[in-house]
mmCIF file of all heavy atoms, coordinates in Angstrom:
data_MODEL
# 
_entry.id   MODEL 
# 
loop_
_atom_site.group_PDB 
_atom_site.id 
_atom_site.type_symbol 
_atom_site.label_atom_id 
_atom_site.label_alt_id 
_atom_site.label_comp_id 
_atom_site.label_asym_id 
_atom_site.label_entity_id 
_atom_site.label_seq_id 
_atom_site.pdbx_PDB_ins_code 
_atom_site.Cartn_x 
_atom_site.Cartn_y 
_atom_site.Cartn_z 
_atom_site.occupancy 
_atom_site.B_iso_or_equiv 
_atom_site.pdbx_formal_charge 
_atom_site.auth_seq_id 
_atom_site.auth_comp_id 
_atom_site.auth_asym_id 
_atom_site.auth_atom_id 
_atom_site.pdbx_PDB_model_num 
ATOM 1   N N   . VAL A 1 1  ? 10.221 3.438   42.208 1.00 0.00 ? 1  VAL A N   1 
ATOM 2   C CA  . VAL A 1 1  ? 9.844  2.628   43.363 1.00 0.00 ? 1  VAL A CA  1 
ATOM 3   C C   . VAL A 1 1  ? 8.326  2.635   43.542 1.00 0.00 ? 1  VAL A C   1 
ATOM 4   O O   . VAL A 1 1  ? 7.693  1.586   43.704 1.00 0.00 ? 1  VAL A O   1 
ATOM 5   C CB  . VAL A 1 1  ? 10.550 3.146   44.633 1.00 0.00 ? 1  VAL A CB  1 
ATOM 6   C CG1 . VAL A 1 1  ? 10.002 2.449   45.878 1.00 0.00 ? 1  VAL A CG1 1 
ATOM 7   C CG2 . VAL A 1 1  ? 12.055 2.949   44.523 1.00 0.00 ? 1  VAL A CG2 1 
ATOM 8   N N   . ILE A 1 2  ? 7.730  3.828   43.501 1.00 0.00 ? 2  ILE A N   1 
ATOM 9   C CA  . ILE A 1 2  ? 6.274  3.930   43.673 1.00 0.00 ? 2  ILE A CA  1 
ATOM 10  C C   . ILE A 1 2  ? 5.554  3.225   42.531 1.00 0.00 ? 2  ILE A C   1 
ATOM 11  O O   . ILE A 1 2  ? 4.518  2.563   42.726 1.00 0.00 ? 2  ILE A O   1 
ATOM 12  C CB  . ILE A 1 2  ? 5.840  5.400   43.780 1.00 0.00 ? 2  ILE A CB  1 
ATOM 13  C CG1 . ILE A 1 2  ? 6.365  6.013   45.082 1.00 0.00 ? 2  ILE A CG1 1 
ATOM 14  C CG2 . ILE A 1 2  ? 4.326  5.520   43.716 1.00 0.00 ? 2  ILE A CG2 1 
ATOM 15  C CD1 . ILE A 1 2  ? 5.849  5.335   46.345 1.00 0.00 ? 2  ILE A CD1 1 
ATOM 16  N N   . GLY A 1 3  ? 6.083  3.334   41.323 1.00 0.00 ? 3  GLY A N   1 
ATOM 17  C CA  . GLY A 1 3  ? 5.466  2.657   40.192 1.00 0.00 ? 3  GLY A CA  1 
ATOM 18  C C   . GLY A 1 3  ? 5.475  1.148   40.337 1.00 0.00 ? 3  GLY A C   1 
ATOM 19  O O   . GLY A 1 3  ? 4.610  0.452   39.787 1.00 0.00 ? 3  GLY A O   1 
ATOM 20  N N   . ARG A 1 4  ? 6.435  0.621   41.062 1.00 0.00 ? 4  ARG A N   1 
ATOM 21  C CA  . ARG A 1 4  ? 6.544  -0.825  41.249 1.00 0.00 ? 4  ARG A CA  1 
ATOM 22  C C   . ARG A 1 4  ? 5.669  -1.336  42.398 1.00 0.00 ? 4  ARG A C   1 
ATOM 23  O O   . ARG A 1 4  ? 5.039  -2.383  42.284 1.00 0.00 ? 4  ARG A O   1 
ATOM 24  C CB  . ARG A 1 4  ? 8.001  -1.202  41.550 1.00 0.00 ? 4  ARG A CB  1 
ATOM 25  C CG  . ARG A 1 4  ? 8.955  -0.987  40.402 1.00 0.00 ? 4  ARG A CG  1 
ATOM 26  C CD  . ARG A 1 4  ? 10.411 -1.053  40.879 1.00 0.00 ? 4  ARG A CD  1 
ATOM 27  N NE  . ARG A 1 4  ? 11.315 -0.643  39.824 1.00 0.00 ? 4  ARG A NE  1 
ATOM 28  C CZ  . ARG A 1 4  ? 11.954 -1.475  38.996 1.00 0.00 ? 4  ARG A CZ  1 
ATOM 29  N NH1 . ARG A 1 4  ? 11.784 -2.772  39.128 1.00 0.00 ? 4  ARG A NH1 1 
ATOM 30  N NH2 . ARG A 1 4  ? 12.749 -1.008  38.054 1.00 0.00 ? 4  ARG A NH2 1 
ATOM 31  N N   . TYR A 1 5  ? 5.683  -0.604  43.515 1.00 0.00 ? 5  TYR A N   1 
ATOM 32  C CA  . TYR A 1 5  ? 5.093  -1.147  44.742 1.00 0.00 ? 5  TYR A CA  1 
ATOM 33  C C   . TYR A 1 5  ? 3.914  -0.340  45.288 1.00 0.00 ? 5  TYR A C   1 
ATOM 34  O O   . TYR A 1 5  ? 3.192  -0.841  46.147 1.00 0.00 ? 5  TYR A O   1 
ATOM 35  C CB  . TYR A 1 5  ? 6.177  -1.249  45.828 1.00 0.00 ? 5  TYR A CB  1 
ATOM 36  C CG  . TYR A 1 5  ? 7.379  -2.032  45.377 1.00 0.00 ? 5  TYR A CG  1 
ATOM 37  C CD1 . TYR A 1 5  ? 8.608  -1.405  45.163 1.00 0.00 ? 5  TYR A CD1 1 
ATOM 38  C CD2 . TYR A 1 5  ? 7.295  -3.404  45.125 1.00 0.00 ? 5  TYR A CD2 1 
ATOM 39  C CE1 . TYR A 1 5  ? 9.721  -2.118  44.730 1.00 0.00 ? 5  TYR A CE1 1 
ATOM 40  C CE2 . TYR A 1 5  ? 8.394  -4.126  44.690 1.00 0.00 ? 5  TYR A CE2 1 
ATOM 41  C CZ  . TYR A 1 5  ? 9.612  -3.475  44.490 1.00 0.00 ? 5  TYR A CZ  1 
ATOM 42  O OH  . TYR A 1 5  ? 10.699 -4.181  44.050 1.00 0.00 ? 5  TYR A OH  1 
ATOM 43  N N   . GLY A 1 6  ? 3.722  0.864   44.823 1.00 0.00 ? 6  GLY A N   1 
ATOM 44  C CA  . GLY A 1 6  ? 2.611  1.684   45.295 1.00 0.00 ? 6  GLY A CA  1 
ATOM 45  C C   . GLY A 1 6  ? 2.893  2.373   46.608 1.00 0.00 ? 6  GLY A C   1 
ATOM 46  O O   . GLY A 1 6  ? 2.795  3.585   46.729 1.00 0.00 ? 6  GLY A O   1 
ATOM 47  N N   . ASP A 1 7  ? 3.270  1.601   47.619 1.00 0.00 ? 7  ASP A N   1 
ATOM 48  C CA  . ASP A 1 7  ? 3.593  2.169   48.924 1.00 0.00 ? 7  ASP A CA  1 
ATOM 49  C C   . ASP A 1 7  ? 4.473  1.180   49.684 1.00 0.00 ? 7  ASP A C   1 
ATOM 50  O O   . ASP A 1 7  ? 4.820  0.098   49.172 1.00 0.00 ? 7  ASP A O   1 
ATOM 51  C CB  . ASP A 1 7  ? 2.327  2.499   49.723 1.00 0.00 ? 7  ASP A CB  1 
ATOM 52  C CG  . ASP A 1 7  ? 1.385  1.307   49.898 1.00 0.00 ? 7  ASP A CG  1 
ATOM 53  O OD1 . ASP A 1 7  ? 1.863  0.143   49.792 1.00 0.00 ? 7  ASP A OD1 1 
ATOM 54  O OD2 . ASP A 1 7  ? 0.190  1.524   50.148 1.00 0.00 ? 7  ASP A OD2 1 
ATOM 55  N N   . ALA A 1 8  ? 4.823  1.547   50.923 1.00 0.00 ? 8  ALA A N   1 
ATOM 56  C CA  . ALA A 1 8  ? 5.730  0.723   51.720 1.00 0.00 ? 8  ALA A CA  1 
ATOM 57  C C   . ALA A 1 8  ? 5.134  -0.656  52.003 1.00 0.00 ? 8  ALA A C   1 
ATOM 58  O O   . ALA A 1 8  ? 5.857  -1.667  52.037 1.00 0.00 ? 8  ALA A O   1 
ATOM 59  C CB  . ALA A 1 8  ? 6.073  1.436   53.025 1.00 0.00 ? 8  ALA A CB  1 
ATOM 60  N N   . ALA A 1 9  ? 3.830  -0.720  52.197 1.00 0.00 ? 9  ALA A N   1 
ATOM 61  C CA  . ALA A 1 9  ? 3.183  -2.011  52.451 1.00 0.00 ? 9  ALA A CA  1 
ATOM 62  C C   . ALA A 1 9  ? 3.306  -2.923  51.231 1.00 0.00 ? 9  ALA A C   1 
ATOM 63  O O   . ALA A 1 9  ? 3.486  -4.147  51.365 1.00 0.00 ? 9  ALA A O   1 
ATOM 64  C CB  . ALA A 1 9  ? 1.723  -1.800  52.818 1.00 0.00 ? 9  ALA A CB  1 
ATOM 65  N N   . GLY A 1 10 ? 3.195  -2.346  50.042 1.00 0.00 ? 10 GLY A N   1 
ATOM 66  C CA  . GLY A 1 10 ? 3.347  -3.134  48.829 1.00 0.00 ? 10 GLY A CA  1 
ATOM 67  C C   . GLY A 1 10 ? 4.752  -3.695  48.685 1.00 0.00 ? 10 GLY A C   1 
ATOM 68  O O   . GLY A 1 10 ? 4.937  -4.823  48.201 1.00 0.00 ? 10 GLY A O   1 
ATOM 69  N N   . TYR A 1 11 ? 5.746  -2.906  49.129 1.00 0.00 ? 11 TYR A N   1 
ATOM 70  C CA  . TYR A 1 11 ? 7.131  -3.393  49.084 1.00 0.00 ? 11 TYR A CA  1 
ATOM 71  C C   . TYR A 1 11 ? 7.318  -4.558  50.052 1.00 0.00 ? 11 TYR A C   1 
ATOM 72  O O   . TYR A 1 11 ? 7.898  -5.600  49.690 1.00 0.00 ? 11 TYR A O   1 
ATOM 73  C CB  . TYR A 1 11 ? 8.096  -2.259  49.418 1.00 0.00 ? 11 TYR A CB  1 
ATOM 74  C CG  . TYR A 1 11 ? 9.526  -2.717  49.572 1.00 0.00 ? 11 TYR A CG  1 
ATOM 75  C CD1 . TYR A 1 11 ? 10.231 -3.244  48.494 1.00 0.00 ? 11 TYR A CD1 1 
ATOM 76  C CD2 . TYR A 1 11 ? 10.171 -2.650  50.805 1.00 0.00 ? 11 TYR A CD2 1 
ATOM 77  C CE1 . TYR A 1 11 ? 11.539 -3.679  48.634 1.00 0.00 ? 11 TYR A CE1 1 
ATOM 78  C CE2 . TYR A 1 11 ? 11.481 -3.081  50.955 1.00 0.00 ? 11 TYR A CE2 1 
ATOM 79  C CZ  . TYR A 1 11 ? 12.163 -3.592  49.866 1.00 0.00 ? 11 TYR A CZ  1 
ATOM 80  O OH  . TYR A 1 11 ? 13.459 -4.024  50.010 1.00 0.00 ? 11 TYR A OH  1 
ATOM 81  N N   . ILE A 1 12 ? 6.805  -4.425  51.266 1.00 0.00 ? 12 ILE A N   1 
ATOM 82  C CA  . ILE A 1 12 ? 6.927  -5.511  52.244 1.00 0.00 ? 12 ILE A CA  1 
ATOM 83  C C   . ILE A 1 12 ? 6.264  -6.779  51.719 1.00 0.00 ? 12 ILE A C   1 
ATOM 84  O O   . ILE A 1 12 ? 6.810  -7.889  51.834 1.00 0.00 ? 12 ILE A O   1 
ATOM 85  C CB  . ILE A 1 12 ? 6.315  -5.093  53.594 1.00 0.00 ? 12 ILE A CB  1 
ATOM 86  C CG1 . ILE A 1 12 ? 7.136  -3.955  54.224 1.00 0.00 ? 12 ILE A CG1 1 
ATOM 87  C CG2 . ILE A 1 12 ? 6.240  -6.279  54.549 1.00 0.00 ? 12 ILE A CG2 1 
ATOM 88  C CD1 . ILE A 1 12 ? 6.504  -3.356  55.456 1.00 0.00 ? 12 ILE A CD1 1 
ATOM 89  N N   . ALA A 1 13 ? 5.103  -6.635  51.127 1.00 0.00 ? 13 ALA A N   1 
ATOM 90  C CA  . ALA A 1 13 ? 4.396  -7.804  50.599 1.00 0.00 ? 13 ALA A CA  1 
ATOM 91  C C   . ALA A 1 13 ? 5.216  -8.491  49.513 1.00 0.00 ? 13 ALA A C   1 
ATOM 92  O O   . ALA A 1 13 ? 5.265  -9.732  49.442 1.00 0.00 ? 13 ALA A O   1 
ATOM 93  C CB  . ALA A 1 13 ? 3.035  -7.379  50.053 1.00 0.00 ? 13 ALA A CB  1 
ATOM 94  N N   . ALA A 1 14 ? 5.880  -7.709  48.661 1.00 0.00 ? 14 ALA A N   1 
ATOM 95  C CA  . ALA A 1 14 ? 6.700  -8.291  47.598 1.00 0.00 ? 14 ALA A CA  1 
ATOM 96  C C   . ALA A 1 14 ? 7.908  -9.025  48.175 1.00 0.00 ? 14 ALA A C   1 
ATOM 97  O O   . ALA A 1 14 ? 8.296  -10.102 47.688 1.00 0.00 ? 14 ALA A O   1 
ATOM 98  C CB  . ALA A 1 14 ? 7.153  -7.197  46.631 1.00 0.00 ? 14 ALA A CB  1 
ATOM 99  N N   . ILE A 1 15 ? 8.517  -8.464  49.221 1.00 0.00 ? 15 ILE A N   1 
ATOM 100 C CA  . ILE A 1 15 ? 9.660  -9.104  49.873 1.00 0.00 ? 15 ILE A CA  1 
ATOM 101 C C   . ILE A 1 15 ? 9.233  -10.430 50.507 1.00 0.00 ? 15 ILE A C   1 
ATOM 102 O O   . ILE A 1 15 ? 9.905  -11.461 50.364 1.00 0.00 ? 15 ILE A O   1 
ATOM 103 C CB  . ILE A 1 15 ? 10.267 -8.163  50.933 1.00 0.00 ? 15 ILE A CB  1 
ATOM 104 C CG1 . ILE A 1 15 ? 11.038 -7.020  50.267 1.00 0.00 ? 15 ILE A CG1 1 
ATOM 105 C CG2 . ILE A 1 15 ? 11.158 -8.926  51.901 1.00 0.00 ? 15 ILE A CG2 1 
ATOM 106 C CD1 . ILE A 1 15 ? 12.362 -7.403  49.660 1.00 0.00 ? 15 ILE A CD1 1 
ATOM 107 N N   . VAL A 1 16 ? 8.120  -10.423 51.208 1.00 0.00 ? 16 VAL A N   1 
ATOM 108 C CA  . VAL A 1 16 ? 7.649  -11.638 51.875 1.00 0.00 ? 16 VAL A CA  1 
ATOM 109 C C   . VAL A 1 16 ? 7.307  -12.719 50.852 1.00 0.00 ? 16 VAL A C   1 
ATOM 110 O O   . VAL A 1 16 ? 7.626  -13.903 51.042 1.00 0.00 ? 16 VAL A O   1 
ATOM 111 C CB  . VAL A 1 16 ? 6.444  -11.324 52.778 1.00 0.00 ? 16 VAL A CB  1 
ATOM 112 C CG1 . VAL A 1 16 ? 5.801  -12.602 53.298 1.00 0.00 ? 16 VAL A CG1 1 
ATOM 113 C CG2 . VAL A 1 16 ? 6.869  -10.433 53.940 1.00 0.00 ? 16 VAL A CG2 1 
ATOM 114 N N   . LYS A 1 17 ? 6.692  -12.329 49.761 1.00 0.00 ? 17 LYS A N   1 
ATOM 115 C CA  . LYS A 1 17 ? 6.365  -13.287 48.706 1.00 0.00 ? 17 LYS A CA  1 
ATOM 116 C C   . LYS A 1 17 ? 7.640  -13.931 48.148 1.00 0.00 ? 17 LYS A C   1 
ATOM 117 O O   . LYS A 1 17 ? 7.702  -15.149 47.931 1.00 0.00 ? 17 LYS A O   1 
ATOM 118 C CB  . LYS A 1 17 ? 5.586  -12.591 47.594 1.00 0.00 ? 17 LYS A CB  1 
ATOM 119 C CG  . LYS A 1 17 ? 5.136  -13.511 46.474 1.00 0.00 ? 17 LYS A CG  1 
ATOM 120 C CD  . LYS A 1 17 ? 4.321  -12.739 45.425 1.00 0.00 ? 17 LYS A CD  1 
ATOM 121 C CE  . LYS A 1 17 ? 3.884  -13.654 44.295 1.00 0.00 ? 17 LYS A CE  1 
ATOM 122 N NZ  . LYS A 1 17 ? 3.100  -12.907 43.267 1.00 0.00 ? 17 LYS A NZ  1 
ATOM 123 N N   . ALA A 1 18 ? 8.647  -13.099 47.932 1.00 0.00 ? 18 ALA A N   1 
ATOM 124 C CA  . ALA A 1 18 ? 9.918  -13.616 47.425 1.00 0.00 ? 18 ALA A CA  1 
ATOM 125 C C   . ALA A 1 18 ? 10.560 -14.573 48.429 1.00 0.00 ? 18 ALA A C   1 
ATOM 126 O O   . ALA A 1 18 ? 11.090 -15.635 48.058 1.00 0.00 ? 18 ALA A O   1 
ATOM 127 C CB  . ALA A 1 18 ? 10.863 -12.458 47.124 1.00 0.00 ? 18 ALA A CB  1 
ATOM 128 N N   . ALA A 1 19 ? 10.512 -14.213 49.713 1.00 0.00 ? 19 ALA A N   1 
ATOM 129 C CA  . ALA A 1 19 ? 11.107 -15.054 50.752 1.00 0.00 ? 19 ALA A CA  1 
ATOM 130 C C   . ALA A 1 19 ? 10.409 -16.404 50.824 1.00 0.00 ? 19 ALA A C   1 
ATOM 131 O O   . ALA A 1 19 ? 11.057 -17.450 51.008 1.00 0.00 ? 19 ALA A O   1 
ATOM 132 C CB  . ALA A 1 19 ? 11.052 -14.333 52.092 1.00 0.00 ? 19 ALA A CB  1 
ATOM 133 N N   . ARG A 1 20 ? 9.099  -16.401 50.694 1.00 0.00 ? 20 ARG A N   1 
ATOM 134 C CA  . ARG A 1 20 ? 8.365  -17.665 50.752 1.00 0.00 ? 20 ARG A CA  1 
ATOM 135 C C   . ARG A 1 20 ? 8.742  -18.581 49.583 1.00 0.00 ? 20 ARG A C   1 
ATOM 136 O O   . ARG A 1 20 ? 8.783  -19.812 49.728 1.00 0.00 ? 20 ARG A O   1 
ATOM 137 C CB  . ARG A 1 20 ? 6.863  -17.396 50.783 1.00 0.00 ? 20 ARG A CB  1 
ATOM 138 C CG  . ARG A 1 20 ? 6.397  -16.754 52.092 1.00 0.00 ? 20 ARG A CG  1 
ATOM 139 C CD  . ARG A 1 20 ? 4.886  -16.795 52.241 1.00 0.00 ? 20 ARG A CD  1 
ATOM 140 N NE  . ARG A 1 20 ? 4.470  -16.152 53.474 1.00 0.00 ? 20 ARG A NE  1 
ATOM 141 C CZ  . ARG A 1 20 ? 4.516  -16.720 54.682 1.00 0.00 ? 20 ARG A CZ  1 
ATOM 142 N NH1 . ARG A 1 20 ? 4.981  -17.968 54.796 1.00 0.00 ? 20 ARG A NH1 1 
ATOM 143 N NH2 . ARG A 1 20 ? 4.124  -16.069 55.753 1.00 0.00 ? 20 ARG A NH2 1 
ATOM 144 N N   . ARG A 1 21 ? 9.008  -18.012 48.431 1.00 0.00 ? 21 ARG A N   1 
ATOM 145 C CA  . ARG A 1 21 ? 9.457  -18.829 47.300 1.00 0.00 ? 21 ARG A CA  1 
ATOM 146 C C   . ARG A 1 21 ? 10.779 -19.518 47.634 1.00 0.00 ? 21 ARG A C   1 
ATOM 147 O O   . ARG A 1 21 ? 10.995 -20.688 47.305 1.00 0.00 ? 21 ARG A O   1 
ATOM 148 C CB  . ARG A 1 21 ? 9.613  -17.963 46.046 1.00 0.00 ? 21 ARG A CB  1 
ATOM 149 C CG  . ARG A 1 21 ? 8.321  -17.690 45.308 1.00 0.00 ? 21 ARG A CG  1 
ATOM 150 C CD  . ARG A 1 21 ? 8.590  -17.154 43.903 1.00 0.00 ? 21 ARG A CD  1 
ATOM 151 N NE  . ARG A 1 21 ? 9.166  -15.813 43.942 1.00 0.00 ? 21 ARG A NE  1 
ATOM 152 C CZ  . ARG A 1 21 ? 8.461  -14.682 43.835 1.00 0.00 ? 21 ARG A CZ  1 
ATOM 153 N NH1 . ARG A 1 21 ? 7.138  -14.745 43.692 1.00 0.00 ? 21 ARG A NH1 1 
ATOM 154 N NH2 . ARG A 1 21 ? 9.052  -13.516 43.854 1.00 0.00 ? 21 ARG A NH2 1 
ATOM 155 N N   . LEU A 1 22 ? 11.681 -18.782 48.275 1.00 0.00 ? 22 LEU A N   1 
ATOM 156 C CA  . LEU A 1 22 ? 12.977 -19.346 48.634 1.00 0.00 ? 22 LEU A CA  1 
ATOM 157 C C   . LEU A 1 22 ? 12.831 -20.461 49.668 1.00 0.00 ? 22 LEU A C   1 
ATOM 158 O O   . LEU A 1 22 ? 13.531 -21.478 49.607 1.00 0.00 ? 22 LEU A O   1 
ATOM 159 C CB  . LEU A 1 22 ? 13.902 -18.243 49.157 1.00 0.00 ? 22 LEU A CB  1 
ATOM 160 C CG  . LEU A 1 22 ? 14.356 -17.221 48.108 1.00 0.00 ? 22 LEU A CG  1 
ATOM 161 C CD1 . LEU A 1 22 ? 14.969 -15.996 48.766 1.00 0.00 ? 22 LEU A CD1 1 
ATOM 162 C CD2 . LEU A 1 22 ? 15.365 -17.854 47.142 1.00 0.00 ? 22 LEU A CD2 1 
ATOM 163 N N   . VAL A 1 23 ? 11.931 -20.283 50.629 1.00 0.00 ? 23 VAL A N   1 
ATOM 164 C CA  . VAL A 1 23 ? 11.679 -21.328 51.619 1.00 0.00 ? 23 VAL A CA  1 
ATOM 165 C C   . VAL A 1 23 ? 11.146 -22.582 50.921 1.00 0.00 ? 23 VAL A C   1 
ATOM 166 O O   . VAL A 1 23 ? 11.591 -23.709 51.193 1.00 0.00 ? 23 VAL A O   1 
ATOM 167 C CB  . VAL A 1 23 ? 10.694 -20.841 52.701 1.00 0.00 ? 23 VAL A CB  1 
ATOM 168 C CG1 . VAL A 1 23 ? 10.271 -21.998 53.601 1.00 0.00 ? 23 VAL A CG1 1 
ATOM 169 C CG2 . VAL A 1 23 ? 11.315 -19.721 53.532 1.00 0.00 ? 23 VAL A CG2 1 
ATOM 170 N N   . ALA A 1 24 ? 10.211 -22.404 50.006 1.00 0.00 ? 24 ALA A N   1 
ATOM 171 C CA  . ALA A 1 24 ? 9.629  -23.538 49.288 1.00 0.00 ? 24 ALA A CA  1 
ATOM 172 C C   . ALA A 1 24 ? 10.680 -24.286 48.470 1.00 0.00 ? 24 ALA A C   1 
ATOM 173 O O   . ALA A 1 24 ? 10.582 -25.508 48.290 1.00 0.00 ? 24 ALA A O   1 
ATOM 174 C CB  . ALA A 1 24 ? 8.494  -23.055 48.379 1.00 0.00 ? 24 ALA A CB  1 
ATOM 175 N N   . ASP A 1 25 ? 11.693 -23.554 47.997 1.00 0.00 ? 25 ASP A N   1 
ATOM 176 C CA  . ASP A 1 25 ? 12.749 -24.170 47.187 1.00 0.00 ? 25 ASP A CA  1 
ATOM 177 C C   . ASP A 1 25 ? 13.882 -24.753 48.030 1.00 0.00 ? 25 ASP A C   1 
ATOM 178 O O   . ASP A 1 25 ? 14.872 -25.256 47.474 1.00 0.00 ? 25 ASP A O   1 
ATOM 179 C CB  . ASP A 1 25 ? 13.327 -23.139 46.212 1.00 0.00 ? 25 ASP A CB  1 
ATOM 180 C CG  . ASP A 1 25 ? 12.345 -22.763 45.111 1.00 0.00 ? 25 ASP A CG  1 
ATOM 181 O OD1 . ASP A 1 25 ? 11.357 -23.510 44.918 1.00 0.00 ? 25 ASP A OD1 1 
ATOM 182 O OD2 . ASP A 1 25 ? 12.558 -21.729 44.451 1.00 0.00 ? 25 ASP A OD2 1 
# 
């Protein structure tokens, strides 16, 4: 998990980015 996101803020940013892609689609 840490290797992927670094910290909790990095995980939230990845989730939000993914959600925005879904909205755009």
